[in-house]
Amino acid sequence: MYSPFEELCEIADTNLNDLIGVKKNAVRMEKMVLALSSEDDCLIVERLKKIGKLIKLQILYETYKTELETDSAMEFLEGEKTLEALMSKRSKTLITNEISIGKIRANDKILFIGSGPLPMSAILYNKYAACPVDCYEKDKNKANLSKKVLSKLGLLGKINVYCKSGEKLKTDKYNVIVVALLAKPKNKIFRAIYASMKPGTRVICRTSDAANKILYEETDEKLFKKYGFSKKNKADKNQTVSSVFYLGN
């Protein structure tokens, strides 16, 4: 019987061109990560990193999540699933926590950087905080697909998607900026945000902690210190994403 470490090493070698295998092993990996005890977290992450398997697991999971979002967007557009059926409890909890700690209200203007093919976070921000949201998505195909989703929902205008990169940000019209977990490169995105933002802007950056680093690349803690992030909403045992906050004065 394999140990979790041995099983993760095997999963890391999944052929990324085999999307059925990617899905199967990513789901298997996610279940393993959520079941790991806190005592195992650091040891396993460091061992995987040392032998070059950690980055391979992160790329595998990112591939899976991107394909899942794309498939979900198509299922919604083709009428196979409702939007509510695609909203996970995990996503709802994440957004509710971010709205609470970020004190986001209806009169705020949000920029979400890295919204992907299914802009669920933007949709939930608009739903729960009743505020307008602009999205930056640098991949043209993902941006176009998300626009179709928003059009079908009748949300264009309340939520807008622009095919842009966060590192190209040059406006101060937003008072809340959210950086998605998969948005990269974080250092250039932060530099652009802090060069253009107005006083009082709240910045939320998603990251990973503990065993969740096996699923997602963490944001460098040095960047958080450099830019004055001071609060963290750490993922609980049923969540995979943490949020770190800069609350401007």
Protein backbone atom coordinates (compact mmCIF):
# COMPACT_ATOMS: atom_id res chain seq x y z
CA MET A 1 0.00 0.00 0.00
CA TYR A 2 1.38 3.39 -1.03
CA SER A 3 2.05 6.17 1.48
CA PRO A 4 0.52 9.60 0.62
CA PHE A 5 3.97 10.79 -0.46
CA GLU A 6 4.51 7.82 -2.79
CA GLU A 7 1.02 8.19 -4.24
CA LEU A 8 1.53 11.91 -4.89
CA CYS A 9 4.85 11.17 -6.61
CA GLU A 10 3.03 8.76 -8.93
CA ILE A 11 0.28 11.31 -9.64
CA ALA A 12 2.90 13.98 -10.46
CA ASP A 13 3.93 11.99 -13.53
CA THR A 14 0.44 12.11 -15.10
CA ASN A 15 0.49 12.86 -18.84
CA LEU A 16 -1.05 16.34 -19.16
CA ASN A 17 -2.28 15.53 -22.66
CA ASP A 18 -4.46 12.77 -21.22
CA LEU A 19 -7.33 14.94 -19.92
CA ILE A 20 -9.26 11.93 -18.58
CA GLY A 21 -6.20 10.92 -16.58
CA VAL A 22 -5.66 14.53 -15.48
CA LYS A 23 -9.21 14.74 -14.11
CA LYS A 24 -9.05 11.35 -12.40
CA ASN A 25 -5.72 12.03 -10.71
CA ALA A 26 -6.48 15.65 -9.80
CA VAL A 27 -9.67 14.60 -8.01
CA ARG A 28 -7.72 11.81 -6.29
CA MET A 29 -5.02 14.28 -5.28
CA GLU A 30 -7.52 16.82 -3.93
CA LYS A 31 -9.13 14.20 -1.69
CA MET A 32 -5.70 13.18 -0.37
CA VAL A 33 -4.66 16.77 0.36
CA LEU A 34 -7.86 17.58 2.24
CA ALA A 35 -7.37 14.43 4.34
CA LEU A 36 -3.74 15.12 5.32
CA SER A 37 -3.10 15.91 8.97
CA SER A 38 -1.38 19.17 9.87
CA GLU A 39 1.63 17.18 11.13
CA ASP A 40 2.13 15.75 7.62
CA ASP A 41 1.73 19.04 5.73
CA CYS A 42 5.15 20.64 5.89
CA LEU A 43 7.12 17.42 5.64
CA ILE A 44 5.35 16.18 2.51
CA VAL A 45 5.39 19.60 0.78
CA GLU A 46 9.12 19.99 1.39
CA ARG A 47 9.92 16.46 0.22
CA LEU A 48 7.90 16.95 -2.97
CA LYS A 49 9.57 20.29 -3.60
CA LYS A 50 13.05 18.86 -3.08
CA ILE A 51 12.63 16.21 -5.79
CA GLY A 52 10.85 18.47 -8.30
CA LYS A 53 7.42 16.87 -7.93
CA LEU A 54 5.62 19.79 -6.26
CA ILE A 55 5.59 22.03 -9.33
CA LYS A 56 4.38 19.11 -11.47
CA LEU A 57 1.46 18.49 -9.11
CA GLN A 58 0.56 22.20 -9.15
CA ILE A 59 0.61 22.29 -12.96
CA LEU A 60 -1.55 19.15 -13.06
CA TYR A 61 -4.13 20.68 -10.73
CA GLU A 62 -4.11 24.02 -12.58
CA THR A 63 -4.72 22.15 -15.84
CA TYR A 64 -7.61 20.28 -14.23
CA LYS A 65 -9.22 23.42 -12.77
CA THR A 66 -8.94 25.31 -16.06
CA GLU A 67 -10.50 22.44 -18.02
CA LEU A 68 -13.21 22.09 -15.37
CA GLU A 69 -14.10 25.78 -15.61
CA THR A 70 -14.18 25.65 -19.40
CA ASP A 71 -16.39 22.54 -19.38
CA SER A 72 -18.69 24.10 -16.78
CA ALA A 73 -19.06 27.29 -18.84
CA MET A 74 -19.99 25.22 -21.90
CA GLU A 75 -22.47 23.12 -19.91
CA PHE A 76 -24.17 26.30 -18.75
CA LEU A 77 -24.24 27.85 -22.23
CA GLU A 78 -25.67 24.65 -23.74
CA GLY A 79 -28.35 24.43 -21.05
CA GLU A 80 -27.05 21.23 -19.50
CA LYS A 81 -26.57 22.76 -16.06
CA THR A 82 -27.86 25.81 -14.20
CA LEU A 83 -25.46 28.36 -12.76
CA GLU A 84 -26.60 27.45 -9.26
CA ALA A 85 -25.66 23.82 -9.90
CA LEU A 86 -22.15 24.98 -10.82
CA MET A 87 -21.71 27.13 -7.69
CA SER A 88 -19.72 25.13 -5.16
CA LYS A 89 -20.13 25.60 -1.42
CA ARG A 90 -16.38 26.20 -1.33
CA SER A 91 -16.66 29.19 -3.72
CA LYS A 92 -19.58 30.68 -1.84
CA THR A 93 -17.71 30.46 1.47
CA LEU A 94 -14.57 32.03 -0.02
CA ILE A 95 -16.47 35.02 -1.43
CA THR A 96 -18.55 35.50 1.72
CA ASN A 97 -15.37 35.57 3.83
CA GLU A 98 -13.66 38.03 1.47
CA ILE A 99 -16.66 40.35 1.43
CA SER A 100 -16.76 40.31 5.22
CA ILE A 101 -13.11 40.93 6.00
CA GLY A 102 -12.71 43.33 3.07
CA LYS A 103 -15.84 45.24 4.09
CA ILE A 104 -17.06 45.22 0.50
CA ARG A 105 -20.31 47.10 -0.12
CA ALA A 106 -22.63 48.00 -3.01
CA ASN A 107 -20.89 51.33 -3.62
CA ASP A 108 -17.51 49.65 -4.19
CA LYS A 109 -16.02 49.09 -7.63
CA ILE A 110 -14.14 45.78 -7.88
CA LEU A 111 -11.41 44.73 -10.29
CA PHE A 112 -10.86 40.96 -10.42
CA ILE A 113 -7.56 39.97 -12.04
CA GLY A 114 -7.45 36.51 -13.62
CA SER A 115 -11.16 35.70 -13.93
CA GLY A 116 -10.85 32.66 -16.20
CA PRO A 117 -13.45 31.10 -18.56
CA LEU A 118 -16.20 31.03 -15.92
CA PRO A 119 -16.08 34.25 -13.81
CA MET A 120 -17.76 32.69 -10.80
CA SER A 121 -16.02 34.90 -8.24
CA ALA A 122 -17.15 38.05 -10.06
CA ILE A 123 -20.70 36.67 -10.31
CA LEU A 124 -20.77 35.90 -6.58
CA TYR A 125 -19.32 39.30 -5.64
CA ASN A 126 -22.09 40.94 -7.64
CA LYS A 127 -24.72 38.60 -6.18
CA TYR A 128 -23.72 38.94 -2.52
CA ALA A 129 -22.36 42.52 -2.36
CA ALA A 130 -24.46 44.02 -5.19
CA CYS A 131 -21.42 45.86 -6.53
CA PRO A 132 -20.16 46.17 -10.13
CA VAL A 133 -17.13 44.10 -11.11
CA ASP A 134 -14.61 44.47 -13.91
CA CYS A 135 -12.54 41.41 -14.83
CA TYR A 136 -9.12 41.17 -16.42
CA GLU A 137 -8.44 37.89 -18.26
CA LYS A 138 -5.35 37.82 -20.47
CA ASP A 139 -6.35 34.70 -22.43
CA LYS A 140 -8.60 35.79 -25.33
CA ASN A 141 -10.51 32.50 -25.58
CA LYS A 142 -11.25 32.43 -21.85
CA ALA A 143 -12.32 36.08 -21.90
CA ASN A 144 -14.69 35.51 -24.82
CA LEU A 145 -16.23 32.44 -23.22
CA SER A 146 -16.84 34.28 -19.95
CA LYS A 147 -18.52 37.14 -21.84
CA LYS A 148 -20.97 34.63 -23.35
CA VAL A 149 -21.78 33.32 -19.88
CA LEU A 150 -22.41 36.83 -18.55
CA SER A 151 -24.52 37.71 -21.59
CA LYS A 152 -26.76 34.69 -21.03
CA LEU A 153 -27.13 35.70 -17.37
CA GLY A 154 -28.00 39.28 -18.32
CA LEU A 155 -25.08 40.54 -16.25
CA LEU A 156 -23.06 42.39 -18.92
CA GLY A 157 -22.72 45.94 -17.70
CA LYS A 158 -22.82 44.88 -14.07
CA ILE A 159 -19.86 42.58 -14.74
CA ASN A 160 -17.48 43.36 -17.61
CA VAL A 161 -14.60 41.27 -18.92
CA TYR A 162 -11.54 42.80 -20.60
CA CYS A 163 -8.83 40.82 -22.34
CA LYS A 164 -6.01 42.39 -20.34
CA SER A 165 -3.22 41.40 -18.00
CA GLY A 166 -3.11 42.66 -14.42
CA GLU A 167 0.46 43.77 -14.89
CA LYS A 168 -0.84 46.32 -17.44
CA LEU A 169 -3.14 48.03 -14.91
CA LYS A 170 -2.90 51.83 -15.21
CA THR A 171 -6.08 53.17 -13.62
CA ASP A 172 -7.12 54.17 -10.11
CA LYS A 173 -10.90 53.84 -10.62
CA TYR A 174 -11.19 50.73 -8.42
CA ASN A 175 -11.35 50.74 -4.63
CA VAL A 176 -11.22 46.93 -4.31
CA ILE A 177 -8.77 44.80 -6.32
CA VAL A 178 -8.79 40.99 -6.12
CA VAL A 179 -5.90 38.95 -7.50
CA ALA A 180 -6.88 35.38 -8.39
CA LEU A 181 -4.80 32.47 -7.16
CA LEU A 182 -3.73 31.51 -10.69
CA ALA A 183 -3.00 35.09 -11.84
CA LYS A 184 0.71 35.46 -12.65
CA PRO A 185 3.31 36.91 -12.36
CA LYS A 186 2.32 38.22 -8.92
CA ASN A 187 5.34 40.51 -8.50
CA LYS A 188 4.55 42.46 -11.69
CA ILE A 189 0.83 42.54 -10.93
CA PHE A 190 1.46 43.94 -7.44
CA ARG A 191 3.86 46.52 -8.85
CA ALA A 192 1.21 47.73 -11.29
CA ILE A 193 -1.50 47.81 -8.61
CA TYR A 194 0.53 49.83 -6.14
CA ALA A 195 1.80 52.22 -8.82
CA SER A 196 -1.73 53.18 -9.86
CA MET A 197 -4.11 52.66 -6.95
CA LYS A 198 -5.66 55.53 -5.01
CA PRO A 199 -5.48 55.91 -1.20
CA GLY A 200 -7.91 53.65 0.64
CA THR A 201 -7.89 50.89 -1.96
CA ARG A 202 -8.35 47.41 -0.53
CA VAL A 203 -6.35 44.62 -2.17
CA ILE A 204 -7.13 40.93 -1.78
CA CYS A 205 -4.69 38.30 -3.00
CA ARG A 206 -5.46 34.61 -2.92
CA THR A 207 -2.79 32.10 -1.93
CA SER A 208 -2.32 28.60 -0.54
CA ASP A 209 -1.20 27.33 2.85
CA ALA A 210 -0.02 24.07 4.38
CA ALA A 211 -0.96 20.98 2.32
CA ASN A 212 -2.89 23.14 -0.15
CA LYS A 213 0.51 24.15 -1.56
CA ILE A 214 0.42 20.73 -3.24
CA LEU A 215 -2.57 21.94 -5.27
CA TYR A 216 -1.69 25.59 -5.83
CA GLU A 217 1.52 27.58 -5.94
CA GLU A 218 1.69 29.85 -2.92
CA THR A 219 2.28 33.59 -3.26
CA ASP A 220 5.70 34.57 -1.91
CA GLU A 221 5.36 35.80 1.69
CA LYS A 222 8.09 38.36 0.95
CA LEU A 223 5.73 40.05 -1.52
CA PHE A 224 3.02 40.29 1.13
CA LYS A 225 5.48 41.88 3.57
CA LYS A 226 6.84 44.25 0.93
CA TYR A 227 3.40 45.58 0.04
CA GLY A 228 1.97 45.71 3.55
CA PHE A 229 -0.60 42.91 3.53
CA SER A 230 -1.66 42.57 7.15
CA LYS A 231 -4.61 40.18 7.47
CA LYS A 232 -5.19 36.62 6.34
CA ASN A 233 -8.31 34.51 6.08
CA LYS A 234 -6.73 31.06 6.17
CA ALA A 235 -8.48 28.17 4.44
CA ASP A 236 -10.11 25.78 6.87
CA LYS A 237 -10.02 22.02 6.44
CA ASN A 238 -12.79 22.03 3.83
CA GLN A 239 -11.33 24.93 1.81
CA THR A 240 -8.33 25.02 -0.52
CA VAL A 241 -7.77 28.78 -0.96
CA SER A 242 -6.61 31.39 1.56
CA SER A 243 -7.01 35.17 1.16
CA VAL A 244 -4.52 37.82 2.26
CA PHE A 245 -5.60 41.46 2.63
CA TYR A 246 -4.13 44.91 2.29
CA LEU A 247 -6.63 47.28 3.85
CA GLY A 248 -5.74 50.79 2.70
CA ASN A 249 -6.22 53.80 4.96
